Protein backbone atom coordinates (compact mmCIF):
# COMPACT_ATOMS: atom_id res chain seq x y z
CA MET A 1 -8.59 3.73 18.39
CA ARG A 2 -8.70 0.53 20.37
CA VAL A 3 -5.68 0.80 22.74
CA LEU A 4 -4.37 -2.07 24.97
CA ILE A 5 -2.44 -1.06 28.04
CA VAL A 6 -0.34 -3.54 29.82
CA ASP A 7 0.99 -2.94 33.34
CA ASP A 8 0.98 -4.87 36.70
CA ASP A 9 0.68 -1.37 38.49
CA GLU A 10 -2.95 -0.46 39.06
CA ILE A 11 -2.24 3.11 39.59
CA ALA A 12 -0.36 3.13 36.24
CA LEU A 13 -3.29 1.65 34.58
CA ASP A 14 -5.68 4.20 36.02
CA LEU A 15 -3.51 7.10 34.74
CA LEU A 16 -3.19 5.63 31.32
CA GLU A 17 -6.81 4.76 31.07
CA ASN A 18 -7.97 8.21 32.21
CA THR A 19 -5.65 9.94 29.88
CA LEU A 20 -6.68 7.86 26.74
CA THR A 21 -10.36 7.77 27.47
CA ARG A 22 -10.47 11.51 27.62
CA ALA A 23 -8.79 11.67 24.32
CA GLY A 24 -11.55 9.47 22.87
CA HIS A 25 -9.77 6.19 22.69
CA THR A 26 -11.31 2.86 23.70
CA VAL A 27 -9.10 1.31 26.36
CA PHE A 28 -8.61 -2.27 27.46
CA ALA A 29 -6.28 -3.38 30.18
CA ALA A 30 -4.09 -6.38 30.90
CA ARG A 31 -2.28 -6.95 34.14
CA ASP A 32 0.75 -8.83 32.79
CA GLY A 33 2.51 -9.85 29.58
CA HIS A 34 0.78 -13.12 29.21
CA GLU A 35 -2.71 -11.62 29.46
CA GLY A 36 -1.67 -8.79 27.11
CA LEU A 37 -0.36 -11.27 24.50
CA GLU A 38 -3.68 -13.25 24.60
CA LEU A 39 -5.55 -9.94 23.92
CA VAL A 40 -3.10 -9.01 21.06
CA ARG A 41 -3.74 -12.40 19.41
CA THR A 42 -7.31 -11.53 18.79
CA GLY A 43 -6.20 -9.03 16.22
CA GLU A 44 -8.38 -6.30 18.03
CA PHE A 45 -5.57 -3.96 19.04
CA PRO A 46 -3.51 -1.99 16.64
CA LEU A 47 -1.78 -0.08 19.39
CA VAL A 48 -0.28 -1.47 22.67
CA ILE A 49 1.25 0.53 25.51
CA SER A 50 3.18 -1.82 27.84
CA ASP A 51 5.27 -1.29 31.07
CA TRP A 52 8.90 -2.53 30.38
CA GLU A 53 9.34 -4.31 33.84
CA MET A 54 6.71 -6.76 34.78
CA PRO A 55 6.70 -10.14 36.61
CA GLY A 56 6.52 -13.15 34.35
CA MET A 57 6.56 -11.83 30.75
CA ASP A 58 8.04 -8.30 30.69
CA GLY A 59 7.48 -5.72 28.05
CA LEU A 60 10.54 -6.79 25.93
CA GLU A 61 9.45 -10.34 25.77
CA LEU A 62 5.83 -9.06 24.94
CA CYS A 63 7.38 -7.12 22.01
CA ARG A 64 9.25 -10.16 20.79
CA ARG A 65 6.12 -12.34 20.92
CA ILE A 66 4.10 -9.76 19.04
CA ARG A 67 6.78 -9.51 16.30
CA ALA A 68 7.08 -13.16 15.99
CA ARG A 69 3.54 -13.61 14.62
CA HIS A 70 1.18 -11.66 12.38
CA TYR A 71 -2.10 -10.90 14.22
CA GLY A 72 -4.24 -9.43 11.40
CA GLY A 73 -2.27 -6.34 10.86
CA TYR A 74 0.67 -4.21 12.28
CA THR A 75 0.75 -3.69 16.02
CA TYR A 76 2.36 -0.50 17.10
CA VAL A 77 4.00 -0.94 20.51
CA ILE A 78 4.97 1.83 22.92
CA LEU A 79 7.19 0.79 25.91
CA LEU A 80 6.92 2.66 29.26
CA THR A 81 10.14 2.59 30.99
CA SER A 82 12.23 4.36 33.76
CA HIS A 83 15.34 3.36 31.77
CA ARG A 84 16.90 6.33 30.02
CA SER A 85 20.31 5.00 28.65
CA LYS A 86 20.92 4.27 25.00
CA LYS A 87 21.61 0.64 25.95
CA TYR A 88 18.03 0.08 27.06
CA VAL A 89 16.68 1.90 23.92
CA VAL A 90 18.74 -0.43 21.70
CA GLN A 91 17.37 -3.44 23.60
CA GLY A 92 13.81 -2.13 23.09
CA LEU A 93 14.29 -1.57 19.43
CA GLU A 94 15.85 -4.96 18.97
CA ALA A 95 12.74 -6.50 20.71
CA GLY A 96 10.37 -4.65 18.22
CA ALA A 97 9.28 -1.58 20.15
CA ASP A 98 8.18 1.36 18.07
CA ASP A 99 8.54 4.00 20.62
CA PHE A 100 9.34 4.82 24.22
CA ILE A 101 7.92 6.99 26.97
CA THR A 102 9.89 7.60 30.09
CA LYS A 103 8.17 7.35 33.44
CA PRO A 104 6.57 9.34 34.77
CA PHE A 105 4.95 10.21 31.65
CA HIS A 106 3.31 13.58 30.61
CA PRO A 107 -0.22 13.18 29.32
CA ASP A 108 0.38 15.54 26.22
CA GLU A 109 3.59 13.56 25.34
CA LEU A 110 1.66 10.24 25.54
CA LEU A 111 -1.11 11.49 23.24
CA ASN A 112 1.38 12.94 20.70
CA ARG A 113 3.21 9.71 20.57
CA ILE A 114 -0.03 7.84 19.97
CA ARG A 115 -0.95 10.26 17.16
CA VAL A 116 2.46 9.27 15.53
CA GLY A 117 1.38 5.65 15.77
CA GLU A 118 -2.00 6.41 14.37
CA ARG A 119 -0.55 8.03 11.31
CA LEU A 120 1.67 5.04 10.68
CA LEU A 121 -1.09 2.60 11.14
CA SER A 122 -3.29 4.56 8.89
CA LEU A 123 -0.70 4.41 6.15
CA GLU A 124 -0.20 0.75 6.57
CA SER A 125 -4.04 0.17 6.37
CA ARG A 126 -4.21 2.35 3.30
CA ASN A 127 -1.32 0.70 1.47
CA LEU A 128 -2.75 -2.83 2.32
CA LEU A 129 -6.28 -1.74 1.03
CA ILE A 130 -4.86 -0.32 -2.20
CA PHE A 131 -2.79 -3.39 -3.09
CA SER A 132 -5.70 -5.86 -1.98
CA LEU A 133 -8.05 -4.02 -4.22
CA ALA A 134 -5.65 -4.14 -7.18
CA LYS A 135 -5.13 -7.86 -6.56
CA LEU A 136 -8.75 -8.42 -6.63
CA ALA A 137 -8.89 -7.28 -10.23
CA GLU A 138 -5.72 -8.97 -11.29
CA SER A 139 -6.92 -12.29 -9.83
CA ARG A 140 -9.20 -12.67 -12.84
CA ASP A 141 -6.39 -12.73 -15.21
CA PRO A 142 -3.95 -15.64 -14.33
CA GLU A 143 -1.63 -14.67 -17.26
CA THR A 144 -0.33 -11.46 -15.78
CA GLY A 145 2.03 -12.90 -13.20
CA ALA A 146 3.72 -10.24 -10.93
CA HIS A 147 2.29 -7.44 -13.24
CA LEU A 148 1.27 -5.12 -10.33
CA GLU A 149 4.55 -5.44 -8.54
CA ARG A 150 6.44 -4.51 -11.80
CA ILE A 151 4.09 -1.75 -12.82
CA ARG A 152 4.67 0.13 -9.41
CA GLU A 153 8.48 -0.37 -9.75
CA TYR A 154 8.56 1.04 -13.26
CA CYS A 155 6.37 3.99 -12.34
CA LYS A 156 8.48 4.74 -9.44
CA ILE A 157 11.65 4.81 -11.55
CA ILE A 158 10.00 7.22 -14.06
CA ALA A 159 8.58 9.47 -11.27
CA MET A 160 11.99 9.64 -9.57
CA HIS A 161 13.66 10.67 -12.80
CA LEU A 162 11.05 13.37 -13.47
CA SER A 163 11.57 14.75 -9.94
CA GLY A 164 15.07 15.67 -10.91
CA ARG A 165 13.86 17.75 -13.99
CA ARG A 166 13.29 21.36 -13.41
CA GLU A 167 9.90 21.55 -15.26
CA PHE A 168 8.42 18.93 -12.82
CA GLN A 169 10.03 20.21 -9.53
CA ASP A 170 6.74 21.93 -8.49
CA VAL A 171 4.78 18.74 -9.22
CA VAL A 172 6.80 15.59 -8.73
CA ASP A 173 8.27 15.42 -5.15
CA GLY A 174 8.79 12.52 -2.71
CA ASP A 175 5.03 12.45 -1.89
CA TYR A 176 4.14 12.20 -5.60
CA VAL A 177 6.65 9.33 -6.14
CA GLN A 178 5.18 7.44 -3.11
CA SER A 179 1.67 8.09 -4.23
CA ILE A 180 2.16 6.76 -7.94
CA TYR A 181 3.99 3.73 -6.44
CA LEU A 182 1.04 3.01 -4.26
CA THR A 183 -1.84 3.77 -6.58
CA SER A 184 -0.49 2.58 -9.99
CA PRO A 185 -1.55 -1.13 -9.32
CA LEU A 186 -5.04 0.24 -9.34
CA HIS A 187 -4.91 1.19 -13.00
CA ASP A 188 -7.00 -1.78 -14.11
CA ILE A 189 -9.33 -2.05 -11.11
CA GLY A 190 -12.28 -1.52 -13.53
CA LYS A 191 -11.63 -4.91 -15.15
CA VAL A 192 -13.61 -6.56 -12.34
CA GLY A 193 -16.66 -5.25 -14.39
CA ILE A 194 -15.62 -6.91 -17.69
CA PRO A 195 -17.18 -10.14 -18.56
CA ASP A 196 -14.91 -13.24 -18.64
CA SER A 197 -15.82 -13.87 -22.24
CA VAL A 198 -14.23 -10.61 -23.14
CA LEU A 199 -11.43 -10.31 -20.56
CA LEU A 200 -10.09 -13.88 -21.03
CA LYS A 201 -10.88 -14.40 -24.70
CA PRO A 202 -7.93 -16.30 -26.14
CA GLY A 203 -7.64 -14.27 -29.44
CA LYS A 204 -8.25 -10.86 -31.06
CA LEU A 205 -11.27 -9.03 -29.73
CA THR A 206 -14.02 -8.03 -32.11
CA ALA A 207 -14.82 -4.30 -32.40
CA ALA A 208 -17.80 -4.73 -30.21
CA GLU A 209 -15.84 -6.73 -27.61
CA PHE A 210 -12.99 -4.18 -27.58
CA ASP A 211 -15.70 -1.44 -26.91
CA VAL A 212 -16.66 -3.49 -23.81
CA MET A 213 -13.05 -3.85 -22.75
CA LYS A 214 -12.58 -0.04 -23.01
CA THR A 215 -15.26 0.51 -20.42
CA HIS A 216 -12.91 -0.69 -17.70
CA THR A 217 -11.35 2.79 -17.55
CA ASN A 218 -14.74 4.35 -16.73
CA ILE A 219 -15.81 1.49 -14.29
CA GLY A 220 -12.43 1.91 -12.38
CA ALA A 221 -12.86 5.75 -12.37
CA ALA A 222 -16.44 5.57 -11.13
CA THR A 223 -15.53 3.19 -8.40
CA LEU A 224 -12.83 5.27 -7.14
CA SER A 225 -14.81 8.52 -7.44
CA ALA A 226 -17.37 6.93 -5.13
CA ALA A 227 -14.60 6.48 -2.63
CA ILE A 228 -13.45 10.12 -3.12
CA GLU A 229 -16.98 11.30 -2.23
CA GLN A 230 -16.57 9.67 1.11
CA HIS A 231 -12.92 10.88 1.65
CA PRO A 232 -12.62 14.07 -0.46
CA ASP A 233 -9.26 14.89 1.17
CA ALA A 234 -7.60 11.60 0.24
CA GLU A 235 -5.28 12.80 -2.49
CA PHE A 236 -4.06 9.27 -3.23
CA LEU A 237 -7.57 8.37 -4.28
CA ILE A 238 -7.64 11.28 -6.67
CA MET A 239 -4.50 10.09 -8.28
CA ALA A 240 -5.77 6.44 -8.45
CA ARG A 241 -8.96 7.66 -10.10
CA ASP A 242 -6.96 9.68 -12.77
CA ILE A 243 -4.75 6.71 -13.48
CA ALA A 244 -7.63 4.33 -13.81
CA LEU A 245 -9.57 6.73 -16.18
CA THR A 246 -6.52 7.90 -18.31
CA HIS A 247 -3.80 5.29 -18.73
CA HIS A 248 -5.20 4.40 -22.07
CA GLU A 249 -5.18 7.89 -23.39
CA ARG A 250 -2.66 8.65 -26.03
CA TRP A 251 -0.40 11.75 -26.57
CA ASP A 252 -1.94 12.41 -29.94
CA GLY A 253 -5.40 12.28 -28.83
CA SER A 254 -6.41 8.75 -30.31
CA GLY A 255 -6.78 7.02 -26.98
CA TYR A 256 -9.70 6.30 -24.87
CA PRO A 257 -12.15 6.88 -23.22
CA HIS A 258 -12.12 10.68 -23.85
CA GLY A 259 -9.52 11.24 -26.55
CA LEU A 260 -7.43 13.60 -24.40
CA MET A 261 -4.18 14.76 -25.82
CA GLU A 262 -0.85 15.97 -24.57
CA ASP A 263 -1.00 17.86 -21.31
CA GLU A 264 -4.80 17.32 -20.95
CA ILE A 265 -3.81 13.83 -19.83
CA PRO A 266 -2.78 13.81 -16.11
CA LEU A 267 0.95 13.16 -15.69
CA CYS A 268 0.16 10.07 -13.59
CA GLY A 269 -1.79 8.60 -16.55
CA ARG A 270 0.95 9.42 -18.95
CA VAL A 271 3.58 7.64 -16.65
CA VAL A 272 1.38 4.47 -16.11
CA ALA A 273 0.66 4.30 -19.91
CA LEU A 274 4.23 3.68 -20.77
CA ALA A 275 4.81 1.32 -17.77
CA ASP A 276 1.82 -0.71 -18.62
CA VAL A 277 2.66 -1.05 -22.30
CA TYR A 278 6.18 -2.02 -21.52
CA ASP A 279 5.08 -4.63 -19.14
CA ALA A 280 2.41 -5.96 -21.48
CA LEU A 281 5.02 -6.15 -24.31
CA ARG A 282 7.57 -8.12 -22.07
CA THR A 283 4.90 -10.50 -20.66
CA ARG A 284 3.29 -13.57 -22.18
CA ARG A 285 -0.45 -13.14 -22.43
CA ILE A 286 -3.28 -15.42 -23.56
CA TYR A 287 -2.98 -13.86 -27.10
CA LYS A 288 0.75 -13.38 -27.47
CA GLU A 289 4.24 -14.49 -26.47
CA ALA A 290 6.56 -12.22 -24.54
CA PHE A 291 8.75 -9.84 -26.43
CA SER A 292 12.48 -9.10 -25.81
CA HIS A 293 13.45 -5.89 -24.16
CA ASP A 294 14.92 -4.52 -27.34
CA VAL A 295 11.68 -5.11 -29.22
CA ALA A 296 9.63 -3.49 -26.46
CA ARG A 297 12.16 -0.53 -26.43
CA SER A 298 11.79 -0.14 -30.20
CA ILE A 299 7.89 -0.08 -30.02
CA ILE A 300 8.00 2.50 -27.20
CA VAL A 301 10.54 4.69 -28.94
CA GLY A 302 8.46 4.53 -31.99
CA GLY A 303 5.42 5.65 -30.11
CA SER A 304 7.07 8.85 -28.71
CA GLY A 305 4.83 11.88 -29.56
CA VAL A 306 2.18 9.46 -30.91
CA HIS A 307 1.25 7.11 -28.05
CA PHE A 308 3.50 8.33 -25.36
CA ASP A 309 4.58 11.65 -23.88
CA PRO A 310 8.00 12.23 -25.30
CA THR A 311 9.44 13.30 -21.90
CA ILE A 312 8.20 10.01 -20.41
CA VAL A 313 9.85 8.15 -23.22
CA ASP A 314 13.09 9.98 -22.58
CA ALA A 315 12.83 8.97 -18.92
CA PHE A 316 12.42 5.45 -19.90
CA ILE A 317 15.41 5.39 -22.28
CA GLU A 318 17.61 6.93 -19.66
CA ASN A 319 16.60 4.26 -17.10
CA GLU A 320 16.02 1.29 -19.47
CA GLN A 321 18.58 -0.72 -17.51
CA ALA A 322 16.67 -0.39 -14.43
CA PHE A 323 13.55 -1.49 -16.29
CA LEU A 324 15.40 -4.54 -17.61
CA ALA A 325 16.60 -5.32 -14.09
CA ILE A 326 13.09 -5.14 -12.62
CA HIS A 327 11.71 -7.36 -15.36
CA ASP A 328 14.48 -9.95 -14.76
CA ARG A 329 14.11 -9.83 -11.02
CA PHE A 330 10.28 -10.59 -11.13
CA GLU A 331 10.55 -12.99 -14.11
CA ALA A 332 10.47 -16.11 -11.96
CA THR A 333 8.00 -14.58 -9.58
CA SER A 334 4.26 -14.69 -10.04
CA ALA A 335 1.46 -13.62 -7.87
CA THR A 336 0.09 -17.02 -6.74
CA ASP A 337 -2.52 -18.32 -4.36
CA ASP A 338 -0.43 -21.59 -3.64
CA ASP A 339 0.94 -20.30 -0.40
CA PRO A 340 -0.48 -22.19 2.62
CA PRO A 341 -3.32 -20.21 4.37
CA ALA A 342 -2.56 -18.37 7.46
CA PRO A 343 -3.40 -20.14 10.77
CA PRO A 344 -6.71 -19.20 12.08
CA LEU A 345 -6.85 -16.59 14.94
CA PRO A 346 -7.61 -17.93 18.41
CA ARG A 347 -11.18 -18.04 19.37
CA ARG A 348 -12.15 -14.58 20.43
CA GLN A 349 -12.91 -14.12 24.12
CA PRO A 350 -15.12 -11.41 25.47
CA LEU A 351 -12.91 -8.16 25.87
CA VAL A 352 -13.57 -6.20 29.01
CA PRO A 353 -12.74 -2.48 28.96
CA ALA A 354 -10.41 -1.25 31.70
CA THR A 355 -13.36 0.48 33.39
CA ALA A 356 -15.10 -2.73 33.85
C-alpha cells in the first residue's frame, strides 16, 4: 500500500518510514499539513498517518480538509498523538480521523492498525467496483431508473427474513445478507453483450431474439467466472456468478439457461428472481406500463411453486409493506448522468519517497 506519513519531526518520520518499509509498504513523507494535503489531493494515497500537533496546519485540520473533498476514493486517516483523554479522541473523530495511535508507538500496534485500514479500504474498493460494473450494464437501458438500487434493497429484505428461519440459519447469516446486497446488482451484467436491436427493441421479441436475450445469463456468468479464476477465494464473486447465471431459472424447471429446478437453483438466484420480477412489474419499460403493487403481488403469489420458490414468496408476502415502501422511496429517483462532472484533480507533481 502507498502510505503518506505527515510529521514535522524528522526522527518520527524515520521511525515510521523504517517500520512501514520493512512491512512492504511504499512510503512517502510530508513535513507539514499543507504539504501533506497537496499530496493527498493527487489521489495517490489511500492511507495517511499524521502527527496531531504540527505548526501551521495540524493533524486535525488536515483531517477536516481531507473529509471536505473527495480525492478519488476514501482516505483512511490515522492520527499520532500524545493526547490520551476522551476529549481529544472526540475531537479527532469529529475532524474525521479513523484511528489513533498514542506516542511513542509500538511497531506491531502500528502495523496491526494499518491492516484494519487495509481491510476497510479493500471493502470500499470492492463495493465501488461491483456497483460500477452493474451500472455499466444498466446504462444501456435508460428505462430502468433506479433498478439496481431497488433490487439490492428487495434482496436484503428477503435475506434478512430468511436469516430468522431455522432451516436457513446455517446458510443465511450477516455475511450472506451483505453479500447478496452487494452482488445482486450484477444480475444482468451479461446484457453488455446483447445487441441494442434486441435489448432495446420497443415491442415483443421474436423467438430468435429471445434466444439471443437469454444468453445474457451465460455471458454474465462467464465474465464473473474469469474474475474468479484470478481471485478464487473471493466468495462474493462466486455469489455474483451464481446470481447472473440462475436468476431466470424457475422453481418448476421451465426457466433458463439450464432448466434447473427447486433446490438445484442456488438460493441467491431464487431470491434475485423474485426481486427482479417484482421490480420489472412495478416499473415502466419500453414494452409496458408500470403495474400496481396489488397486481404485482397477485402475479408473484400466482407464481409460487411454479416460477418462484414458495419460501421466497412467503418472505415477500410477510414483508410486502417494506417492498412497497422501497418502491415509493425510489419512484422519483432515477440513475442519471445529469449530475455535473467532478472537478479535475490537480495536476500531478512528481512524488518523492521518504528515502529520497
